[in-house]
Amino acid sequence: MVRLTHMSGSLRGTFSTSPKAVIRIGRGADCDVRFDARLDARVSAHHAEIRFDNGYYLVVDTGSSNGTLVNGKLVRQQKLKSGDKIVFGAQGGPEVRFEVDDSMAAAPGGMSMNGGPRGRGQPLQMPAPPYGQPPPPGKAEISGDAASLAREAQMNISRARAMSGGQPSGQTMFIMADTLKKVEAVTHKKDSKKTAKIVFAIVLLAFAGFGALGFVIWQQKQQLEKILHRKGNLDRQIQKIQLAMQIEGDPDKLAALEDQLTLLTGKAQQTIGELEQKDKAAAEKVENQGDELDREIRRILSKFSANTYLVPPLFKERLKHHIQQTVSRSNTRTVYARKQRYWPMIIKEFSKRGLPEEMAYVAWTESQFDALADNPSGARGMWQFMAPTARNYGLRVDKSVDQRIDAQKETQAAAHYLANLLADFGEDSFMLAIASYNKGEAGMRRVLHEVAQEPGGFRKEKRDFWHLYRLKKLPEETLEYVPQILAAAVICNNPKKYGLE
């Protein structure tokens, strides 16, 4: 029986108990532990689940917007023990204390717990696998404890081999060596011959269990295929909604589609969590699926703290367009050479403020790394600062001196400016900071203020660049500006591929 004591939030002072193997937590009407949408806005509709799996309780973040913390650590999934503190919605979200009532006679699903009350953090004792029996007492005189060790060794070897697809796992000798130590401990004897017989019997028993290994592997593959099939269906639905959002212009319909997309994305991320529990290699393969450009986009977005389950198809199309357009320009090699000249200085200034180097490709889009660039609107220099902004960041701009054409000084001002944008919009809002460089921070604030007045109020996920992109809250120029910068980053991260070296 699980008990969640609510230490903060709308349910503070109360507790929830459940014997279920899966406990859904969030603001949705179908959640087992349901928080108030008005008071606990940091909690997502389907925020997390607590699951009983393979003898442990796990908390799994099912695609929440603000994350889940266990004992102060941001997690995607985490084994739980009694006394752990969980916060739903990261800092500022409601907090609960997780406890397992060991006095209950049965674990979730009706499975009995053997051996009396468990210690904290110990797995529930599961019945021995149906295949293989302990060797009968005989010359080896295997005790009850040694028989249990035999079953444990058999199960561990079989699992290790099953996880390696039926091929030798390379762990058998380690498992048997560990078992030998345990046998010596339970026999309390130094008779090496007798111990050797016991271990030999265990080895035979373990390998006898491989007769059923084919079934174990088949069963595991069936489970993986079901999860992958479910994820495939969800991905197809997500793609249909994304395509519908590209051509939809009605704000109310766009908002409804966004809600559907959020729900489906959460479910899809949940399937990856399930895959990870059963086969980490399969989960990693699914997360890295797509073409080379998809993987490069994910790598850059991870630096921007702008990960998204699926990049909108239109954004990827525009990114491809700008890559092709940049590569085909006659002066691209010249621009790349200028970039190489200034890059060490730029990286030094950006790293001082913890900015990812890819943000510096703003200078490619703004001026093509030309320190003397002029714009009819009055912007000047590599970073195209207007005179008032330049003065605000300590640059001298008057009739006799214009420090905007000093590459190093303007770069220092640009890094300072971008860092301030992050301070305004949040440390995880790198994409919004880039968009604001084009639209202006005042214009971006107006957009966010408008979003805050929409039904449901303001939530962190509404500050996300991808949310504003899908709902077409930004002007077309800004929607094009961001993929231009990412296109320059993709090209410069692969200069040989794009013919620059």
Protein backbone atom coordinates (compact mmCIF):
# COMPACT_ATOMS: atom_id res chain seq x y z
CA MET A 1 0.00 0.00 0.00
CA VAL A 2 1.39 3.42 -1.03
CA ARG A 3 0.81 6.49 1.11
CA LEU A 4 1.47 10.04 -0.15
CA THR A 5 1.50 12.70 2.58
CA HIS A 6 0.88 16.12 1.05
CA MET A 7 3.33 18.58 2.59
CA SER A 8 2.44 21.60 0.42
CA GLY A 9 0.11 22.68 -2.35
CA SER A 10 -3.69 22.58 -2.52
CA LEU A 11 -3.79 19.16 -0.79
CA ARG A 12 -1.45 20.14 2.05
CA GLY A 13 -2.13 18.34 5.32
CA THR A 14 -3.96 15.46 3.66
CA PHE A 15 -2.72 12.10 2.46
CA SER A 16 -3.58 9.68 -0.30
CA THR A 17 -3.31 5.91 -0.13
CA SER A 18 -3.60 3.43 -2.96
CA PRO A 19 -2.98 -0.28 -3.52
CA LYS A 20 -2.75 0.22 -7.28
CA ALA A 21 0.25 -0.83 -9.35
CA VAL A 22 -0.02 2.48 -11.29
CA ILE A 23 -1.04 5.73 -9.57
CA ARG A 24 -1.66 8.66 -11.93
CA ILE A 25 -0.88 12.15 -10.59
CA GLY A 26 -1.82 15.51 -12.08
CA ARG A 27 -4.64 18.00 -12.57
CA GLY A 28 -6.66 15.80 -14.96
CA ALA A 29 -10.06 14.46 -13.99
CA ASP A 30 -8.88 10.87 -14.52
CA CYS A 31 -5.91 11.15 -12.12
CA ASP A 32 -5.82 9.10 -8.92
CA VAL A 33 -4.14 11.98 -7.05
CA ARG A 34 -5.66 15.18 -8.41
CA PHE A 35 -4.35 18.67 -7.66
CA ASP A 36 -6.34 21.89 -7.97
CA ALA A 37 -5.76 23.51 -11.39
CA ARG A 38 -6.05 27.03 -9.96
CA LEU A 39 -3.81 26.61 -6.92
CA ASP A 40 -1.23 24.20 -8.33
CA ALA A 41 -0.67 25.61 -11.83
CA ARG A 42 2.86 24.15 -12.02
CA VAL A 43 1.37 20.64 -12.07
CA SER A 44 0.54 19.39 -15.58
CA ALA A 45 -2.75 17.70 -16.48
CA HIS A 46 -1.05 14.29 -16.54
CA HIS A 47 2.13 15.06 -14.66
CA ALA A 48 3.56 11.79 -13.35
CA GLU A 49 2.84 8.23 -12.32
CA ILE A 50 3.98 6.05 -9.45
CA ARG A 51 4.36 2.49 -10.67
CA PHE A 52 5.16 -0.86 -9.12
CA ASP A 53 7.53 -2.68 -11.45
CA ASN A 54 10.03 -5.50 -11.03
CA GLY A 55 9.84 -5.39 -7.26
CA TYR A 56 10.24 -1.60 -6.85
CA TYR A 57 8.13 1.50 -6.80
CA LEU A 58 9.13 4.08 -9.41
CA VAL A 59 8.05 7.66 -10.01
CA VAL A 60 7.89 8.39 -13.76
CA ASP A 61 7.55 11.91 -15.20
CA THR A 62 5.01 11.46 -18.02
CA GLY A 63 5.96 14.51 -20.07
CA SER A 64 5.23 17.28 -17.56
CA SER A 65 6.03 20.88 -18.44
CA ASN A 66 7.79 21.84 -15.20
CA GLY A 67 9.47 18.57 -14.25
CA THR A 68 9.51 16.30 -11.21
CA LEU A 69 12.01 16.37 -8.33
CA VAL A 70 12.93 13.51 -5.99
CA ASN A 71 14.86 14.67 -2.92
CA GLY A 72 15.77 17.86 -4.77
CA LYS A 73 16.99 16.14 -7.96
CA LEU A 74 15.21 16.60 -11.30
CA VAL A 75 14.33 13.14 -12.61
CA ARG A 76 12.62 11.50 -15.53
CA GLN A 77 12.12 8.28 -13.58
CA GLN A 78 13.48 7.23 -10.21
CA LYS A 79 13.24 4.29 -7.82
CA LEU A 80 11.52 5.28 -4.59
CA LYS A 81 12.01 4.34 -0.97
CA SER A 82 9.98 5.26 2.08
CA GLY A 83 10.63 8.79 3.19
CA ASP A 84 11.49 10.19 -0.24
CA LYS A 85 10.20 13.70 -0.95
CA ILE A 86 8.68 14.32 -4.37
CA VAL A 87 7.91 17.75 -5.83
CA PHE A 88 5.59 17.92 -8.84
CA GLY A 89 6.32 21.00 -10.94
CA ALA A 90 9.94 21.53 -9.80
CA GLN A 91 10.66 24.48 -7.53
CA GLY A 92 7.42 25.95 -6.23
CA GLY A 93 5.28 22.91 -7.02
CA PRO A 94 3.40 20.84 -4.40
CA GLU A 95 5.50 18.43 -2.32
CA VAL A 96 4.56 14.97 -1.03
CA ARG A 97 6.34 12.41 1.12
CA PHE A 98 6.30 8.88 -0.28
CA GLU A 99 5.82 5.96 2.11
CA VAL A 100 5.16 2.23 1.74
CA ASP A 101 2.99 0.66 4.41
CA ASP A 102 4.92 -2.56 5.10
CA SER A 103 2.22 -3.84 7.42
CA MET A 104 0.03 -4.73 4.46
CA ALA A 105 0.02 -8.40 3.58
CA ALA A 106 -0.01 -8.02 -0.16
CA ALA A 107 1.83 -5.98 -2.72
CA PRO A 108 0.14 -4.45 -5.79
CA GLY A 109 -1.53 -6.92 -8.05
CA GLY A 110 -2.06 -9.43 -5.24
CA MET A 111 1.60 -10.54 -5.08
CA SER A 112 2.59 -11.54 -1.55
CA MET A 113 5.62 -10.10 0.21
CA ASN A 114 7.78 -12.85 1.68
CA GLY A 115 10.15 -12.58 4.59
CA GLY A 116 8.25 -10.10 6.77
CA PRO A 117 8.44 -6.29 6.68
CA ARG A 118 10.91 -4.83 4.21
CA GLY A 119 13.69 -2.42 5.08
CA ARG A 120 13.74 0.94 3.36
CA GLY A 121 14.84 0.78 -0.24
CA GLN A 122 14.67 -3.03 -0.38
CA PRO A 123 12.81 -4.73 -3.24
CA LEU A 124 9.65 -6.70 -2.64
CA GLN A 125 10.40 -10.42 -2.57
CA MET A 126 8.91 -11.91 -5.73
CA PRO A 127 8.04 -15.59 -6.24
CA ALA A 128 10.73 -17.71 -7.89
CA PRO A 129 10.43 -18.07 -11.66
CA PRO A 130 8.35 -21.01 -12.88
CA TYR A 131 11.25 -22.65 -14.65
CA GLY A 132 13.99 -24.61 -12.85
CA GLN A 133 13.85 -26.15 -9.38
CA PRO A 134 16.54 -26.27 -6.69
CA PRO A 135 18.64 -29.42 -6.82
CA PRO A 136 17.40 -32.11 -4.46
CA PRO A 137 19.38 -32.67 -1.26
CA GLY A 138 21.99 -35.33 -1.82
CA LYS A 139 25.71 -35.58 -1.87
CA ALA A 140 26.01 -31.83 -2.12
CA GLU A 141 23.64 -31.45 0.86
CA ILE A 142 22.34 -28.09 -0.34
CA SER A 143 20.64 -26.21 2.47
CA GLY A 144 17.43 -24.20 2.09
CA ASP A 145 19.51 -21.03 1.96
CA ALA A 146 21.74 -22.45 -0.76
CA ALA A 147 18.67 -23.55 -2.72
CA SER A 148 17.40 -19.96 -2.62
CA LEU A 149 20.77 -18.79 -3.86
CA ALA A 150 20.52 -21.31 -6.68
CA ARG A 151 17.17 -19.93 -7.79
CA GLU A 152 18.53 -16.39 -7.52
CA ALA A 153 21.62 -17.22 -9.60
CA GLN A 154 19.49 -18.98 -12.20
CA MET A 155 17.13 -16.01 -12.47
CA ASN A 156 19.97 -13.45 -12.69
CA ILE A 157 21.85 -15.37 -15.39
CA SER A 158 18.65 -15.91 -17.39
CA ARG A 159 17.68 -12.24 -17.14
CA ALA A 160 21.16 -11.10 -18.18
CA ARG A 161 21.09 -13.38 -21.20
CA ALA A 162 17.52 -12.37 -22.08
CA MET A 163 18.52 -8.69 -22.01
CA SER A 164 21.32 -9.49 -24.49
CA GLY A 165 18.86 -11.08 -26.93
CA GLY A 166 19.73 -14.68 -26.09
CA GLN A 167 23.46 -14.19 -26.67
CA PRO A 168 26.09 -14.74 -23.94
CA SER A 169 25.87 -11.74 -21.62
CA GLY A 170 29.42 -11.88 -20.28
CA GLN A 171 28.01 -11.73 -16.74
CA THR A 172 27.68 -15.43 -15.91
CA MET A 173 31.08 -15.82 -14.23
CA PHE A 174 30.55 -12.66 -12.19
CA ILE A 175 27.16 -13.90 -11.01
CA MET A 176 28.57 -17.32 -10.09
CA ALA A 177 31.54 -15.76 -8.24
CA ASP A 178 29.13 -13.66 -6.22
CA THR A 179 27.00 -16.72 -5.53
CA LEU A 180 30.05 -18.63 -4.32
CA LYS A 181 30.72 -15.98 -1.68
CA LYS A 182 27.11 -16.14 -0.54
CA VAL A 183 27.19 -19.95 -0.36
CA GLU A 184 30.30 -19.82 1.79
CA ALA A 185 28.54 -17.38 4.09
CA VAL A 186 25.41 -19.52 4.56
CA THR A 187 27.19 -22.85 4.95
CA HIS A 188 29.58 -21.45 7.57
CA LYS A 189 32.07 -24.15 6.61
CA LYS A 190 35.52 -24.17 5.09
CA ASP A 191 35.09 -27.51 3.33
CA SER A 192 36.17 -26.45 -0.15
CA LYS A 193 35.09 -29.73 -1.77
CA LYS A 194 31.58 -29.46 -0.39
CA THR A 195 31.36 -25.80 -1.38
CA ALA A 196 32.56 -26.64 -4.88
CA LYS A 197 29.82 -29.29 -5.22
CA ILE A 198 27.19 -26.78 -4.15
CA VAL A 199 28.42 -24.18 -6.63
CA PHE A 200 28.66 -26.79 -9.40
CA ALA A 201 25.05 -27.80 -8.71
CA ILE A 202 24.04 -24.13 -8.92
CA VAL A 203 25.86 -23.76 -12.25
CA LEU A 204 24.05 -26.79 -13.65
CA LEU A 205 20.76 -25.44 -12.37
CA ALA A 206 21.38 -22.02 -13.91
CA PHE A 207 22.16 -23.46 -17.33
CA ALA A 208 19.20 -25.83 -17.08
CA GLY A 209 17.07 -22.73 -16.84
CA PHE A 210 18.15 -21.73 -20.36
CA GLY A 211 15.68 -24.29 -21.66
CA ALA A 212 12.98 -21.74 -20.94
CA LEU A 213 15.12 -18.80 -22.04
CA GLY A 214 13.64 -18.78 -25.51
CA PHE A 215 10.21 -18.20 -24.01
CA VAL A 216 11.55 -15.38 -21.80
CA ILE A 217 13.11 -13.64 -24.81
CA TRP A 218 9.97 -14.12 -26.91
CA GLN A 219 7.82 -12.71 -24.11
CA GLN A 220 10.11 -9.72 -23.73
CA LYS A 221 10.05 -9.02 -27.47
CA GLN A 222 6.26 -9.23 -27.47
CA GLN A 223 6.07 -6.63 -24.71
CA LEU A 224 8.49 -4.33 -26.54
CA GLU A 225 6.54 -4.69 -29.79
CA LYS A 226 3.30 -3.74 -28.03
CA ILE A 227 4.91 -0.62 -26.55
CA LEU A 228 6.47 0.33 -29.91
CA HIS A 229 3.13 -0.23 -31.68
CA ARG A 230 1.39 2.02 -29.15
CA LYS A 231 4.07 4.68 -29.59
CA GLY A 232 3.79 4.46 -33.38
CA ASN A 233 0.04 5.11 -33.19
CA LEU A 234 0.62 8.09 -30.89
CA ASP A 235 3.30 9.51 -33.21
CA ARG A 236 0.94 9.29 -36.19
CA GLN A 237 -1.74 11.15 -34.25
CA ILE A 238 0.79 13.79 -33.15
CA GLN A 239 1.94 14.30 -36.75
CA LYS A 240 -1.66 14.76 -37.95
CA ILE A 241 -2.28 17.39 -35.27
CA GLN A 242 0.95 19.24 -36.10
CA LEU A 243 0.02 19.33 -39.78
CA ALA A 244 -3.48 20.54 -38.91
CA MET A 245 -1.96 23.34 -36.81
CA GLN A 246 0.17 24.49 -39.74
CA ILE A 247 -2.89 25.32 -41.85
CA GLU A 248 -5.25 26.38 -39.04
CA GLY A 249 -5.72 30.10 -38.48
CA ASP A 250 -8.49 30.24 -35.88
CA PRO A 251 -6.96 30.95 -32.40
CA ASP A 252 -9.59 28.91 -30.53
CA LYS A 253 -9.13 25.88 -32.78
CA LEU A 254 -5.36 26.20 -32.50
CA ALA A 255 -5.64 26.22 -28.69
CA ALA A 256 -7.82 23.08 -28.76
CA LEU A 257 -5.32 21.32 -31.03
CA GLU A 258 -2.49 22.37 -28.70
CA ASP A 259 -4.29 20.75 -25.75
CA GLN A 260 -4.66 17.51 -27.73
CA LEU A 261 -0.99 17.67 -28.72
CA THR A 262 0.11 18.13 -25.09
CA LEU A 263 -1.89 15.09 -23.97
CA LEU A 264 -0.63 12.86 -26.79
CA THR A 265 2.97 13.98 -26.32
CA GLY A 266 2.78 13.10 -22.63
CA LYS A 267 1.53 9.62 -23.48
CA ALA A 268 4.24 9.16 -26.11
CA GLN A 269 6.95 10.15 -23.64
CA GLN A 270 5.43 7.72 -21.17
CA THR A 271 5.93 4.87 -23.67
CA ILE A 272 9.63 5.79 -23.90
CA GLY A 273 9.81 5.53 -20.12
CA GLU A 274 8.23 2.07 -20.28
CA LEU A 275 10.70 1.05 -22.98
CA GLU A 276 13.59 2.30 -20.88
CA GLN A 277 12.55 0.07 -17.99
CA LYS A 278 12.49 -3.02 -20.20
CA ASP A 279 15.29 -2.34 -22.66
CA LYS A 280 17.47 0.78 -22.39
CA ALA A 281 19.07 0.15 -25.78
CA ALA A 282 15.66 0.04 -27.47
CA ALA A 283 14.59 3.24 -25.71
CA GLU A 284 17.79 5.01 -26.77
CA LYS A 285 17.27 3.87 -30.35
CA VAL A 286 13.73 5.25 -30.37
CA GLU A 287 14.83 8.58 -28.90
CA ASN A 288 17.54 8.92 -31.57
CA GLN A 289 15.34 7.95 -34.50
CA GLY A 290 15.04 10.19 -37.54
CA ASP A 291 17.53 11.38 -40.12
CA GLU A 292 20.87 13.09 -39.55
CA LEU A 293 19.27 16.55 -39.49
CA ASP A 294 16.82 15.41 -36.79
CA ARG A 295 19.71 14.30 -34.60
CA GLU A 296 21.62 17.54 -35.19
CA ILE A 297 18.52 19.59 -34.32
CA ARG A 298 18.06 17.63 -31.08
CA ARG A 299 21.72 18.15 -30.17
CA ILE A 300 21.48 21.92 -30.64
CA LEU A 301 18.10 22.20 -28.90
CA SER A 302 19.45 20.29 -25.89
CA LYS A 303 22.08 23.04 -25.52
CA PHE A 304 19.30 25.62 -25.71
CA SER A 305 17.22 23.79 -23.05
CA ALA A 306 14.56 23.73 -25.77
CA ASN A 307 14.01 19.99 -26.14
CA THR A 308 10.69 19.06 -27.66
CA TYR A 309 9.22 15.63 -28.36
CA LEU A 310 8.82 16.41 -32.06
CA VAL A 311 10.02 19.53 -33.89
CA PRO A 312 7.11 21.05 -35.84
CA PRO A 313 7.31 19.83 -39.48
CA LEU A 314 7.11 23.41 -40.80
CA PHE A 315 10.10 24.46 -38.68
CA LYS A 316 12.19 21.59 -40.06
CA GLU A 317 11.15 22.50 -43.63
CA ARG A 318 12.19 26.13 -43.12
CA LEU A 319 15.44 25.01 -41.51
CA LYS A 320 16.24 22.87 -44.58
CA HIS A 321 15.38 25.83 -46.82
CA HIS A 322 17.76 28.18 -44.98
CA ILE A 323 20.55 25.57 -44.96
CA GLN A 324 20.28 25.15 -48.74
CA GLN A 325 19.99 28.89 -49.29
CA THR A 326 23.06 29.65 -47.12
CA VAL A 327 25.21 26.96 -48.73
CA SER A 328 24.31 28.14 -52.24
CA ARG A 329 25.34 31.78 -51.62
CA SER A 330 28.55 32.82 -53.35
CA ASN A 331 30.00 34.53 -50.25
CA THR A 332 29.38 31.73 -47.70
CA ARG A 333 33.04 30.69 -47.65
CA THR A 334 34.04 34.31 -46.95
CA VAL A 335 31.51 34.57 -44.12
CA TYR A 336 32.74 31.29 -42.65
CA ALA A 337 36.34 32.58 -42.75
CA ARG A 338 35.28 35.74 -40.87
CA LYS A 339 33.44 33.60 -38.35
CA GLN A 340 36.59 31.53 -37.74
CA ARG A 341 38.59 34.70 -37.15
CA TYR A 342 36.27 36.09 -34.48
CA TRP A 343 35.04 32.82 -32.98
CA PRO A 344 37.63 32.37 -30.16
CA MET A 345 36.91 35.87 -28.87
CA ILE A 346 33.14 35.36 -29.12
CA ILE A 347 33.24 32.01 -27.30
CA LYS A 348 35.33 33.52 -24.52
CA GLU A 349 32.73 36.25 -23.91
CA PHE A 350 29.74 33.90 -24.19
CA SER A 351 31.24 31.26 -21.89
CA LYS A 352 31.71 33.90 -19.17
CA ARG A 353 27.92 34.14 -18.98
CA GLY A 354 27.14 30.47 -19.53
CA LEU A 355 25.65 31.01 -22.99
CA PRO A 356 25.78 28.08 -25.46
CA GLU A 357 28.07 28.88 -28.39
CA GLU A 358 25.26 28.29 -30.90
CA MET A 359 23.60 31.52 -29.72
CA ALA A 360 26.53 33.37 -31.28
CA TYR A 361 25.20 32.54 -34.76
CA VAL A 362 22.93 35.54 -34.23
CA ALA A 363 25.95 37.44 -35.64
CA TRP A 364 25.84 35.34 -38.84
CA THR A 365 22.20 36.25 -39.41
CA GLU A 366 22.56 39.88 -38.33
CA SER A 367 25.76 40.88 -40.16
CA GLN A 368 27.53 37.79 -41.52
CA PHE A 369 30.21 38.48 -38.89
CA ASP A 370 31.03 41.84 -40.48
CA ALA A 371 32.22 44.23 -37.75
CA LEU A 372 31.66 47.26 -40.04
CA ALA A 373 28.14 46.33 -41.23
CA ASP A 374 25.64 49.20 -41.50
CA ASN A 375 21.88 48.99 -41.75
CA PRO A 376 19.56 51.71 -43.19
CA SER A 377 17.54 51.51 -39.95
CA GLY A 378 20.55 52.78 -37.98
CA ALA A 379 21.86 49.44 -36.62
CA ARG A 380 25.61 48.96 -36.86
CA GLY A 381 28.40 46.49 -36.18
CA MET A 382 28.67 42.71 -36.06
CA TRP A 383 25.72 42.48 -33.66
CA GLN A 384 23.71 45.31 -35.27
CA PHE A 385 23.03 47.33 -32.14
CA MET A 386 20.90 50.44 -32.40
CA ALA A 387 22.57 53.50 -30.81
CA PRO A 388 20.30 53.69 -27.70
CA THR A 389 20.76 49.98 -26.95
CA ALA A 390 24.52 50.26 -27.43
CA ARG A 391 24.69 53.14 -24.96
CA ASN A 392 22.58 51.18 -22.45
CA TYR A 393 25.25 48.47 -22.51
CA GLY A 394 28.20 50.76 -22.02
CA LEU A 395 29.27 51.49 -25.59
CA ARG A 396 30.19 54.99 -26.64
CA VAL A 397 28.21 56.18 -29.65
CA ASP A 398 28.51 59.85 -30.62
CA LYS A 399 29.71 62.02 -33.51
CA SER A 400 33.38 61.30 -32.88
CA VAL A 401 33.37 57.68 -31.66
CA ASP A 402 31.18 54.66 -32.43
CA GLN A 403 32.29 51.62 -30.45
CA ARG A 404 29.75 49.41 -32.21
CA ILE A 405 32.39 48.77 -34.88
CA ASP A 406 34.79 47.50 -32.20
CA ALA A 407 34.13 43.76 -32.55
CA GLN A 408 35.29 42.83 -29.06
CA LYS A 409 33.44 45.59 -27.23
CA GLU A 410 30.20 45.03 -29.13
CA THR A 411 30.50 41.25 -28.54
CA GLN A 412 30.80 41.90 -24.80
CA ALA A 413 27.66 44.05 -25.00
CA ALA A 414 25.80 41.40 -27.05
CA ALA A 415 26.63 38.64 -24.54
CA HIS A 416 25.49 40.95 -21.72
CA TYR A 417 22.26 41.71 -23.60
CA LEU A 418 21.45 38.03 -24.30
CA ALA A 419 22.16 37.13 -20.66
CA ASN A 420 19.74 39.87 -19.58
CA LEU A 421 17.07 38.47 -21.90
CA LEU A 422 17.46 35.10 -20.17
CA ALA A 423 17.14 36.85 -16.81
CA ASP A 424 13.86 38.37 -18.04
CA PHE A 425 12.32 35.30 -19.66
CA GLY A 426 13.87 32.50 -17.59
CA GLU A 427 17.15 30.58 -17.70
CA ASP A 428 15.55 27.86 -19.86
CA SER A 429 14.26 30.33 -22.48
CA PHE A 430 17.22 30.45 -24.88
CA MET A 431 14.94 30.18 -27.92
CA LEU A 432 12.80 33.09 -26.70
CA ALA A 433 15.96 35.12 -26.11
CA ILE A 434 17.03 34.52 -29.72
CA ALA A 435 13.56 35.41 -31.01
CA SER A 436 13.58 38.55 -28.84
CA TYR A 437 16.84 39.68 -30.46
CA ASN A 438 14.78 40.05 -33.65
CA LYS A 439 11.41 41.10 -32.25
CA GLY A 440 12.71 43.14 -29.33
CA GLU A 441 12.24 42.30 -25.67
CA ALA A 442 9.35 44.74 -25.31
CA GLY A 443 7.50 43.07 -28.17
CA MET A 444 8.11 39.62 -26.69
CA ARG A 445 6.81 40.76 -23.31
CA ARG A 446 3.60 41.98 -24.99
CA VAL A 447 3.11 38.52 -26.55
CA LEU A 448 3.61 36.81 -23.18
CA HIS A 449 1.25 39.27 -21.48
CA GLU A 450 -1.42 38.44 -24.05
CA VAL A 451 -0.92 34.73 -23.43
CA ALA A 452 -1.30 35.32 -19.68
CA GLN A 453 -4.81 36.70 -20.26
CA GLU A 454 -6.02 33.63 -22.16
CA PRO A 455 -8.33 31.03 -20.58
CA GLY A 456 -6.44 28.92 -18.08
CA GLY A 457 -4.04 31.71 -17.15
CA PHE A 458 -0.29 31.70 -17.51
CA ARG A 459 1.75 28.54 -17.12
CA LYS A 460 5.40 27.81 -17.80
CA GLU A 461 4.59 25.70 -20.87
CA LYS A 462 2.94 28.76 -22.44
CA ARG A 463 6.26 30.63 -22.22
CA ASP A 464 7.87 27.93 -24.34
CA PHE A 465 9.05 29.02 -27.80
CA TRP A 466 7.46 25.97 -29.41
CA HIS A 467 4.08 26.83 -27.90
CA LEU A 468 4.25 30.35 -29.36
CA TYR A 469 5.51 28.94 -32.68
CA ARG A 470 2.67 26.41 -33.07
CA LEU A 471 0.00 28.91 -32.02
CA LYS A 472 1.45 31.53 -34.43
CA LYS A 473 1.88 34.13 -31.70
CA LEU A 474 5.04 35.56 -33.29
CA PRO A 475 5.39 37.65 -36.48
CA GLU A 476 6.51 35.89 -39.65
CA GLU A 477 9.89 37.64 -39.65
CA THR A 478 10.67 36.21 -36.20
CA LEU A 479 9.37 32.75 -37.16
CA GLU A 480 11.94 32.79 -40.00
CA TYR A 481 14.72 34.36 -37.92
CA VAL A 482 15.16 31.45 -35.50
CA PRO A 483 15.59 28.70 -38.16
CA GLN A 484 18.09 30.97 -39.96
CA ILE A 485 20.28 30.97 -36.85
CA LEU A 486 19.97 27.21 -36.38
CA ALA A 487 20.80 26.73 -40.08
CA ALA A 488 24.09 28.60 -39.60
CA ALA A 489 24.83 26.44 -36.53
CA VAL A 490 24.12 23.20 -38.42
CA ILE A 491 26.38 24.25 -41.31
CA CYS A 492 29.28 25.38 -39.12
CA ASN A 493 29.06 22.26 -36.97
CA ASN A 494 29.56 20.20 -40.17
CA PRO A 495 31.83 22.39 -42.33
CA LYS A 496 33.27 19.50 -44.40
CA LYS A 497 29.82 18.16 -45.23
CA TYR A 498 28.71 21.58 -46.51
CA GLY A 499 31.91 22.28 -48.46
CA LEU A 500 33.41 24.93 -46.20
CA GLU A 501 36.60 23.00 -45.43
